[in-house]
Amino acid sequence: MKYLGVDYGSKRVGLAVSDFSESFAMPLKVISDFASLEDLLDEVERICKDEDIDEIVVGESKDFSQKDNKIMKEIKLFAKKLKEKLKISIHMHPEFLTSQEAKRLQGKNEMHDASAAALILKSYLETNKHDAKRKKRK
């Protein structure tokens, strides 16, 4: 299965992809020139087709006390509209401090948001593998 990771921001949206074995998450692209939510959804749909994406992981933005940050309303709307448009599974996964970690690892550059998306996706893949192993043991 191949996943698309999304680090949603109101001005820039970072994207990352997994490999089919679900072992790696690689930064793919930053979308920064969308005029509307529909434009953004169309671009993500095109990328999903080009990359043969099966499922999408969208980062959840929460604060230190695990409460939604201001942008979560936009993220939830984006995820809802994306699910309606693409008719594929959308998973929400915590993105706590991924932007800061991406900046620390590679510095601030044009692919910074895509690197944050890769960190979100990698965390999701590792969490799911761990959960699957735990279920097998039971």
C-alpha atoms as a PDB file:
ATOM      1  CA  MET A   1       0.000   0.000   0.000  1.00  0.00           C
ATOM      2  CA  LYS A   2       1.236   3.519  -0.763  1.00  0.00           C
ATOM      3  CA  TYR A   3       0.468   6.543   1.419  1.00  0.00           C
ATOM      4  CA  LEU A   4       0.518  10.298   0.957  1.00  0.00           C
ATOM      5  CA  GLY A   5       1.467  12.342   4.018  1.00  0.00           C
ATOM      6  CA  VAL A   6       0.137  15.893   4.369  1.00  0.00           C
ATOM      7  CA  ASP A   7       1.394  18.757   6.525  1.00  0.00           C
ATOM      8  CA  TYR A   8      -1.418  21.287   6.026  1.00  0.00           C
ATOM      9  CA  GLY A   9      -0.840  25.002   6.399  1.00  0.00           C
ATOM     10  CA  SER A  10      -2.989  27.916   5.299  1.00  0.00           C
ATOM     11  CA  LYS A  11      -0.216  29.179   2.977  1.00  0.00           C
ATOM     12  CA  ARG A  12       1.831  26.052   2.239  1.00  0.00           C
ATOM     13  CA  VAL A  13       0.981  22.357   2.197  1.00  0.00           C
ATOM     14  CA  GLY A  14       3.787  19.837   2.432  1.00  0.00           C
ATOM     15  CA  LEU A  15       3.411  16.412   0.829  1.00  0.00           C
ATOM     16  CA  ALA A  16       5.374  13.194   1.272  1.00  0.00           C
ATOM     17  CA  VAL A  17       4.985   9.657  -0.070  1.00  0.00           C
ATOM     18  CA  SER A  18       5.708   6.220   1.300  1.00  0.00           C
ATOM     19  CA  ASP A  19       7.142   3.324  -0.616  1.00  0.00           C
ATOM     20  CA  PHE A  20       4.863   0.336  -1.268  1.00  0.00           C
ATOM     21  CA  SER A  21       6.493  -1.653   1.554  1.00  0.00           C
ATOM     22  CA  GLU A  22       5.522   1.154   3.976  1.00  0.00           C
ATOM     23  CA  SER A  23       9.111   1.363   5.237  1.00  0.00           C
ATOM     24  CA  PHE A  24      10.092   4.842   4.076  1.00  0.00           C
ATOM     25  CA  ALA A  25       8.517   8.287   3.872  1.00  0.00           C
ATOM     26  CA  MET A  26      10.089  10.730   1.431  1.00  0.00           C
ATOM     27  CA  PRO A  27       9.395  14.448   0.984  1.00  0.00           C
ATOM     28  CA  LEU A  28       7.631  15.004  -2.340  1.00  0.00           C
ATOM     29  CA  LYS A  29       6.438  18.547  -2.870  1.00  0.00           C
ATOM     30  CA  VAL A  30       5.249  21.778  -1.299  1.00  0.00           C
ATOM     31  CA  ILE A  31       2.106  23.344  -2.735  1.00  0.00           C
ATOM     32  CA  SER A  32       2.116  27.074  -2.117  1.00  0.00           C
ATOM     33  CA  ASP A  33       0.320  28.594  -5.064  1.00  0.00           C
ATOM     34  CA  PHE A  34      -3.283  27.510  -4.494  1.00  0.00           C
ATOM     35  CA  ALA A  35      -5.961  30.192  -4.810  1.00  0.00           C
ATOM     36  CA  SER A  36      -8.710  28.205  -3.103  1.00  0.00           C
ATOM     37  CA  LEU A  37      -9.421  24.985  -1.265  1.00  0.00           C
ATOM     38  CA  GLU A  38     -10.797  23.534  -4.526  1.00  0.00           C
ATOM     39  CA  ASP A  39      -7.514  24.309  -6.311  1.00  0.00           C
ATOM     40  CA  LEU A  40      -5.598  22.578  -3.527  1.00  0.00           C
ATOM     41  CA  LEU A  41      -7.897  19.544  -3.619  1.00  0.00           C
ATOM     42  CA  ASP A  42      -7.504  19.292  -7.409  1.00  0.00           C
ATOM     43  CA  GLU A  43      -3.710  19.357  -7.096  1.00  0.00           C
ATOM     44  CA  VAL A  44      -3.700  16.709  -4.349  1.00  0.00           C
ATOM     45  CA  GLU A  45      -6.037  14.549  -6.451  1.00  0.00           C
ATOM     46  CA  ARG A  46      -3.678  14.812  -9.444  1.00  0.00           C
ATOM     47  CA  ILE A  47      -0.693  13.865  -7.273  1.00  0.00           C
ATOM     48  CA  CYS A  48      -2.572  10.897  -5.784  1.00  0.00           C
ATOM     49  CA  LYS A  49      -3.284   9.583  -9.290  1.00  0.00           C
ATOM     50  CA  ASP A  50       0.280  10.177 -10.501  1.00  0.00           C
ATOM     51  CA  GLU A  51       1.776   8.497  -7.414  1.00  0.00           C
ATOM     52  CA  ASP A  52      -0.755   5.609  -7.166  1.00  0.00           C
ATOM     53  CA  ILE A  53      -1.732   6.622  -3.624  1.00  0.00           C
ATOM     54  CA  ASP A  54      -3.993   4.222  -1.700  1.00  0.00           C
ATOM     55  CA  GLU A  55      -4.516   6.186   1.535  1.00  0.00           C
ATOM     56  CA  ILE A  56      -3.722   9.620   2.961  1.00  0.00           C
ATOM     57  CA  VAL A  57      -2.345  10.654   6.360  1.00  0.00           C
ATOM     58  CA  VAL A  58      -3.074  14.235   7.426  1.00  0.00           C
ATOM     59  CA  GLY A  59      -1.236  15.800  10.351  1.00  0.00           C
ATOM     60  CA  GLU A  60      -3.319  16.917  13.342  1.00  0.00           C
ATOM     61  CA  SER A  61      -2.194  20.221  14.827  1.00  0.00           C
ATOM     62  CA  LYS A  62      -2.508  20.215  18.617  1.00  0.00           C
ATOM     63  CA  ASP A  63      -0.907  22.256  21.373  1.00  0.00           C
ATOM     64  CA  PHE A  64       1.097  21.020  24.377  1.00  0.00           C
ATOM     65  CA  SER A  65      -2.119  20.142  26.251  1.00  0.00           C
ATOM     66  CA  GLN A  66      -3.409  18.158  23.239  1.00  0.00           C
ATOM     67  CA  LYS A  67      -6.079  20.743  22.394  1.00  0.00           C
ATOM     68  CA  ASP A  68      -6.721  21.686  18.776  1.00  0.00           C
ATOM     69  CA  ASN A  69      -4.646  24.581  17.460  1.00  0.00           C
ATOM     70  CA  LYS A  70      -6.428  27.369  15.578  1.00  0.00           C
ATOM     71  CA  ILE A  71      -5.671  25.777  12.216  1.00  0.00           C
ATOM     72  CA  MET A  72      -7.405  22.474  13.093  1.00  0.00           C
ATOM     73  CA  LYS A  73     -10.748  23.757  11.753  1.00  0.00           C
ATOM     74  CA  GLU A  74      -9.112  24.253   8.353  1.00  0.00           C
ATOM     75  CA  ILE A  75      -7.355  20.885   8.574  1.00  0.00           C
ATOM     76  CA  LYS A  76     -10.585  19.052   9.413  1.00  0.00           C
ATOM     77  CA  LEU A  77     -12.410  20.762   6.535  1.00  0.00           C
ATOM     78  CA  PHE A  78      -9.543  19.921   4.168  1.00  0.00           C
ATOM     79  CA  ALA A  79      -9.560  16.246   5.263  1.00  0.00           C
ATOM     80  CA  LYS A  80     -13.356  16.025   4.954  1.00  0.00           C
ATOM     81  CA  LYS A  81     -13.403  17.553   1.453  1.00  0.00           C
ATOM     82  CA  LEU A  82     -10.460  15.390   0.394  1.00  0.00           C
ATOM     83  CA  LYS A  83     -12.254  12.217   1.504  1.00  0.00           C
ATOM     84  CA  GLU A  84     -15.414  13.278  -0.359  1.00  0.00           C
ATOM     85  CA  LYS A  85     -13.468  14.081  -3.534  1.00  0.00           C
ATOM     86  CA  LEU A  86     -11.093  11.111  -3.658  1.00  0.00           C
ATOM     87  CA  LYS A  87     -13.201   8.416  -1.956  1.00  0.00           C
ATOM     88  CA  ILE A  88     -10.164   6.929  -0.195  1.00  0.00           C
ATOM     89  CA  SER A  89      -9.274   6.510   3.476  1.00  0.00           C
ATOM     90  CA  ILE A  90      -7.971   9.584   5.272  1.00  0.00           C
ATOM     91  CA  HIS A  91      -6.138   9.048   8.567  1.00  0.00           C
ATOM     92  CA  MET A  92      -5.434  11.814  11.063  1.00  0.00           C
ATOM     93  CA  HIS A  93      -2.100  11.566  12.904  1.00  0.00           C
ATOM     94  CA  PRO A  94      -0.497  13.887  15.483  1.00  0.00           C
ATOM     95  CA  GLU A  95       2.057  16.287  14.030  1.00  0.00           C
ATOM     96  CA  PHE A  96       3.398  17.620  17.300  1.00  0.00           C
ATOM     97  CA  LEU A  97       6.599  19.608  16.635  1.00  0.00           C
ATOM     98  CA  THR A  98       7.214  18.041  13.195  1.00  0.00           C
ATOM     99  CA  SER A  99       7.849  21.430  11.572  1.00  0.00           C
ATOM    100  CA  GLN A 100      10.455  22.244  14.210  1.00  0.00           C
ATOM    101  CA  GLU A 101      12.048  18.811  13.791  1.00  0.00           C
ATOM    102  CA  ALA A 102      12.156  19.198   9.998  1.00  0.00           C
ATOM    103  CA  LYS A 103      13.794  22.612  10.420  1.00  0.00           C
ATOM    104  CA  ARG A 104      16.326  21.135  12.850  1.00  0.00           C
ATOM    105  CA  LEU A 105      17.195  18.257  10.509  1.00  0.00           C
ATOM    106  CA  GLN A 106      17.607  20.180   7.273  1.00  0.00           C
ATOM    107  CA  GLY A 107      17.219  23.858   7.991  1.00  0.00           C
ATOM    108  CA  LYS A 108      14.529  26.156   6.673  1.00  0.00           C
ATOM    109  CA  ASN A 109      14.226  25.802   2.889  1.00  0.00           C
ATOM    110  CA  GLU A 110      11.559  25.425   0.216  1.00  0.00           C
ATOM    111  CA  MET A 111      11.057  21.713   1.025  1.00  0.00           C
ATOM    112  CA  HIS A 112      10.704  22.261   4.786  1.00  0.00           C
ATOM    113  CA  ASP A 113       6.935  21.556   4.788  1.00  0.00           C
ATOM    114  CA  ALA A 114       7.377  18.400   2.687  1.00  0.00           C
ATOM    115  CA  SER A 115       9.974  17.188   5.199  1.00  0.00           C
ATOM    116  CA  ALA A 116       7.470  17.802   8.007  1.00  0.00           C
ATOM    117  CA  ALA A 117       4.917  15.764   6.018  1.00  0.00           C
ATOM    118  CA  ALA A 118       7.485  12.949   5.732  1.00  0.00           C
ATOM    119  CA  LEU A 119       7.983  12.986   9.515  1.00  0.00           C
ATOM    120  CA  ILE A 120       4.202  12.788  10.070  1.00  0.00           C
ATOM    121  CA  LEU A 121       3.903   9.928   7.587  1.00  0.00           C
ATOM    122  CA  LYS A 122       6.907   8.037   9.005  1.00  0.00           C
ATOM    123  CA  SER A 123       5.456   8.311  12.515  1.00  0.00           C
ATOM    124  CA  TYR A 124       2.113   6.998  11.265  1.00  0.00           C
ATOM    125  CA  LEU A 125       3.746   4.057   9.454  1.00  0.00           C
ATOM    126  CA  GLU A 126       5.846   3.132  12.497  1.00  0.00           C
ATOM    127  CA  THR A 127       2.842   3.386  14.828  1.00  0.00           C
ATOM    128  CA  ASN A 128       0.755   1.141  12.575  1.00  0.00           C
ATOM    129  CA  LYS A 129       3.504  -1.475  12.257  1.00  0.00           C
ATOM    130  CA  HIS A 130       3.923  -1.504  16.040  1.00  0.00           C
ATOM    131  CA  ASP A 131       0.145  -1.837  16.551  1.00  0.00           C
ATOM    132  CA  ALA A 132      -0.056  -4.650  13.980  1.00  0.00           C
ATOM    133  CA  LYS A 133       2.759  -6.592  15.698  1.00  0.00           C
ATOM    134  CA  ARG A 134       1.084  -6.162  19.072  1.00  0.00           C
ATOM    135  CA  LYS A 135      -2.232  -7.484  17.698  1.00  0.00           C
ATOM    136  CA  LYS A 136      -0.477 -10.553  16.237  1.00  0.00           C
ATOM    137  CA  ARG A 137       0.950 -11.452  19.658  1.00  0.00           C
ATOM    138  CA  LYS A 138      -2.484 -11.544  21.288  1.00  0.00           C
END
